[in-house]
N, C-alpha and C. Protein backbone atom coordinates (compact mmCIF):
# COMPACT_ATOMS: atom_id res chain seq x y z
N MET A 1 -5.18 28.65 -108.08
CA MET A 1 -4.56 28.30 -106.84
C MET A 1 -3.19 27.69 -107.12
N PRO A 2 -2.25 27.83 -106.21
CA PRO A 2 -0.94 27.21 -106.41
C PRO A 2 -1.04 25.68 -106.36
N LEU A 3 -0.14 25.03 -107.03
CA LEU A 3 -0.15 23.57 -107.09
C LEU A 3 -0.05 22.94 -105.70
N VAL A 4 0.62 23.61 -104.78
CA VAL A 4 0.77 23.04 -103.42
C VAL A 4 -0.57 22.92 -102.71
N LEU A 5 -1.58 23.67 -103.15
CA LEU A 5 -2.91 23.62 -102.53
C LEU A 5 -3.91 22.80 -103.33
N ALA A 6 -3.47 22.25 -104.46
CA ALA A 6 -4.38 21.49 -105.32
C ALA A 6 -4.80 20.19 -104.64
N PRO A 7 -6.05 19.77 -104.86
CA PRO A 7 -6.52 18.52 -104.26
C PRO A 7 -5.82 17.30 -104.88
N VAL A 8 -5.56 16.32 -104.04
CA VAL A 8 -4.89 15.10 -104.48
C VAL A 8 -5.87 14.25 -105.31
N GLY A 9 -5.40 13.74 -106.44
CA GLY A 9 -6.18 12.84 -107.27
C GLY A 9 -7.10 13.49 -108.27
N GLN A 10 -7.17 14.80 -108.29
CA GLN A 10 -8.06 15.50 -109.23
C GLN A 10 -7.24 16.11 -110.36
N GLU A 11 -7.65 15.85 -111.60
CA GLU A 11 -6.94 16.42 -112.74
C GLU A 11 -7.21 17.92 -112.82
N MET A 12 -6.15 18.69 -112.93
CA MET A 12 -6.24 20.14 -113.01
C MET A 12 -5.54 20.60 -114.28
N LYS A 13 -5.72 21.88 -114.62
CA LYS A 13 -5.08 22.47 -115.78
C LYS A 13 -4.16 23.59 -115.30
N ILE A 14 -2.94 23.60 -115.82
CA ILE A 14 -2.01 24.68 -115.47
C ILE A 14 -2.47 25.95 -116.17
N VAL A 15 -2.67 27.01 -115.40
CA VAL A 15 -3.12 28.27 -115.99
C VAL A 15 -1.99 29.30 -116.08
N ARG A 16 -0.98 29.17 -115.19
CA ARG A 16 0.10 30.16 -115.20
C ARG A 16 1.30 29.61 -114.45
N ILE A 17 2.48 29.97 -114.91
CA ILE A 17 3.71 29.65 -114.20
C ILE A 17 4.41 30.97 -113.91
N ALA A 18 4.51 31.31 -112.64
CA ALA A 18 5.10 32.58 -112.22
C ALA A 18 6.55 32.34 -111.82
N ALA A 19 7.44 32.31 -112.81
CA ALA A 19 8.85 32.07 -112.56
C ALA A 19 9.68 32.81 -113.60
N ASP A 20 10.98 32.82 -113.38
CA ASP A 20 11.85 33.48 -114.35
C ASP A 20 11.94 32.63 -115.63
N ASP A 21 12.50 33.22 -116.67
CA ASP A 21 12.54 32.56 -117.98
C ASP A 21 13.31 31.25 -117.96
N LYS A 22 14.40 31.19 -117.21
CA LYS A 22 15.20 29.97 -117.14
C LYS A 22 14.39 28.83 -116.52
N THR A 23 13.68 29.13 -115.45
CA THR A 23 12.87 28.12 -114.78
C THR A 23 11.70 27.70 -115.66
N LYS A 24 11.06 28.66 -116.33
CA LYS A 24 9.96 28.34 -117.23
C LYS A 24 10.41 27.42 -118.36
N LYS A 25 11.61 27.66 -118.90
CA LYS A 25 12.13 26.82 -119.97
C LYS A 25 12.39 25.41 -119.45
N HIS A 26 12.96 25.30 -118.27
CA HIS A 26 13.22 23.98 -117.68
C HIS A 26 11.91 23.23 -117.45
N LEU A 27 10.90 23.91 -116.91
CA LEU A 27 9.61 23.27 -116.67
C LEU A 27 8.93 22.89 -117.98
N ALA A 28 9.08 23.71 -119.01
CA ALA A 28 8.51 23.39 -120.32
C ALA A 28 9.14 22.12 -120.89
N ASN A 29 10.43 21.94 -120.66
CA ASN A 29 11.11 20.72 -121.12
C ASN A 29 10.57 19.49 -120.39
N LEU A 30 10.03 19.67 -119.20
CA LEU A 30 9.43 18.58 -118.44
C LEU A 30 7.95 18.38 -118.77
N GLY A 31 7.40 19.26 -119.61
CA GLY A 31 6.00 19.15 -119.99
C GLY A 31 5.07 20.04 -119.19
N LEU A 32 5.63 20.88 -118.33
CA LEU A 32 4.82 21.79 -117.52
C LEU A 32 4.70 23.14 -118.22
N ILE A 33 3.63 23.29 -118.97
CA ILE A 33 3.35 24.52 -119.70
C ILE A 33 1.90 24.90 -119.44
N ALA A 34 1.55 26.13 -119.76
CA ALA A 34 0.16 26.57 -119.62
C ALA A 34 -0.74 25.69 -120.46
N GLU A 35 -1.91 25.38 -119.95
CA GLU A 35 -2.92 24.54 -120.59
C GLU A 35 -2.64 23.04 -120.45
N ALA A 36 -1.49 22.65 -119.89
CA ALA A 36 -1.19 21.23 -119.70
C ALA A 36 -2.02 20.70 -118.54
N LYS A 37 -2.39 19.42 -118.61
CA LYS A 37 -3.14 18.79 -117.54
C LYS A 37 -2.17 18.15 -116.56
N ILE A 38 -2.49 18.28 -115.26
CA ILE A 38 -1.62 17.78 -114.21
C ILE A 38 -2.48 17.20 -113.10
N THR A 39 -2.03 16.10 -112.52
CA THR A 39 -2.74 15.46 -111.41
C THR A 39 -1.75 15.28 -110.27
N VAL A 40 -2.12 15.76 -109.08
CA VAL A 40 -1.28 15.60 -107.91
C VAL A 40 -1.55 14.21 -107.33
N LEU A 41 -0.50 13.40 -107.22
CA LEU A 41 -0.64 12.06 -106.64
C LEU A 41 -0.49 12.10 -105.12
N SER A 42 0.46 12.91 -104.65
CA SER A 42 0.63 13.07 -103.22
C SER A 42 1.27 14.42 -102.95
N SER A 43 0.99 14.93 -101.77
CA SER A 43 1.51 16.21 -101.37
C SER A 43 1.93 16.10 -99.91
N ASN A 44 3.17 16.53 -99.63
CA ASN A 44 3.69 16.40 -98.28
C ASN A 44 4.56 17.61 -97.95
N GLY A 45 4.10 18.44 -97.06
CA GLY A 45 4.88 19.60 -96.66
C GLY A 45 5.14 20.60 -97.76
N GLY A 46 4.27 20.65 -98.75
CA GLY A 46 4.43 21.58 -99.86
C GLY A 46 5.04 20.94 -101.09
N SER A 47 5.79 19.86 -100.92
CA SER A 47 6.32 19.12 -102.07
C SER A 47 5.19 18.31 -102.68
N ALA A 48 5.29 18.04 -103.97
CA ALA A 48 4.21 17.32 -104.64
C ALA A 48 4.76 16.34 -105.66
N VAL A 49 4.14 15.17 -105.72
CA VAL A 49 4.41 14.20 -106.77
C VAL A 49 3.23 14.28 -107.72
N CYS A 50 3.50 14.53 -109.00
CA CYS A 50 2.44 14.80 -109.97
C CYS A 50 2.59 13.91 -111.19
N ILE A 51 1.46 13.72 -111.88
CA ILE A 51 1.47 13.08 -113.19
C ILE A 51 1.27 14.17 -114.24
N VAL A 52 2.21 14.22 -115.19
CA VAL A 52 2.11 15.13 -116.32
C VAL A 52 2.32 14.27 -117.56
N LYS A 53 1.35 14.30 -118.46
CA LYS A 53 1.36 13.42 -119.63
C LYS A 53 1.42 11.99 -119.12
N ASP A 54 2.45 11.23 -119.46
CA ASP A 54 2.55 9.84 -119.02
C ASP A 54 3.65 9.64 -117.98
N GLY A 55 4.19 10.71 -117.43
CA GLY A 55 5.30 10.59 -116.48
C GLY A 55 4.98 11.19 -115.13
N ARG A 56 5.75 10.78 -114.15
CA ARG A 56 5.62 11.32 -112.80
C ARG A 56 6.76 12.27 -112.52
N LEU A 57 6.43 13.37 -111.84
CA LEU A 57 7.43 14.36 -111.47
C LEU A 57 7.31 14.65 -109.98
N ALA A 58 8.43 14.81 -109.33
CA ALA A 58 8.46 15.26 -107.94
C ALA A 58 8.89 16.73 -107.96
N LEU A 59 8.08 17.58 -107.40
CA LEU A 59 8.36 19.02 -107.39
C LEU A 59 8.52 19.49 -105.95
N ASP A 60 9.57 20.26 -105.69
CA ASP A 60 9.73 20.78 -104.34
C ASP A 60 8.78 21.95 -104.10
N ARG A 61 8.69 22.35 -102.86
CA ARG A 61 7.73 23.40 -102.47
C ARG A 61 7.97 24.70 -103.22
N ASN A 62 9.22 25.07 -103.44
CA ASN A 62 9.54 26.32 -104.12
C ASN A 62 8.99 26.34 -105.54
N ILE A 63 9.21 25.29 -106.30
CA ILE A 63 8.71 25.23 -107.67
C ILE A 63 7.20 25.08 -107.69
N ALA A 64 6.66 24.20 -106.86
CA ALA A 64 5.21 23.93 -106.86
C ALA A 64 4.41 25.18 -106.49
N SER A 65 4.97 26.06 -105.69
CA SER A 65 4.25 27.26 -105.29
C SER A 65 4.18 28.29 -106.42
N HIS A 66 5.00 28.13 -107.47
CA HIS A 66 4.98 29.05 -108.61
C HIS A 66 4.14 28.55 -109.77
N ILE A 67 3.56 27.36 -109.64
CA ILE A 67 2.72 26.79 -110.68
C ILE A 67 1.26 26.94 -110.24
N PHE A 68 0.47 27.63 -111.04
CA PHE A 68 -0.91 27.89 -110.68
C PHE A 68 -1.84 27.05 -111.55
N VAL A 69 -2.82 26.42 -110.91
CA VAL A 69 -3.73 25.51 -111.59
C VAL A 69 -5.18 25.92 -111.33
N ALA A 70 -6.06 25.41 -112.17
CA ALA A 70 -7.50 25.64 -111.99
C ALA A 70 -8.25 24.39 -112.36
């Protein structure tokens, strides 16, 4: 499921990132890669605030809809 639909407060695993190479590289630099664990702290209108590793990230709806979790 896309990250925008992920339940709040539940740790999920990134299974796929459906984006171009430039965006994938940028997300990888932020720690968003396949098999990484991610927890959605809050979701509002498709935007999401997430915990990845020990940091928090705010992702807009466009990026969050291209990150698939399970």
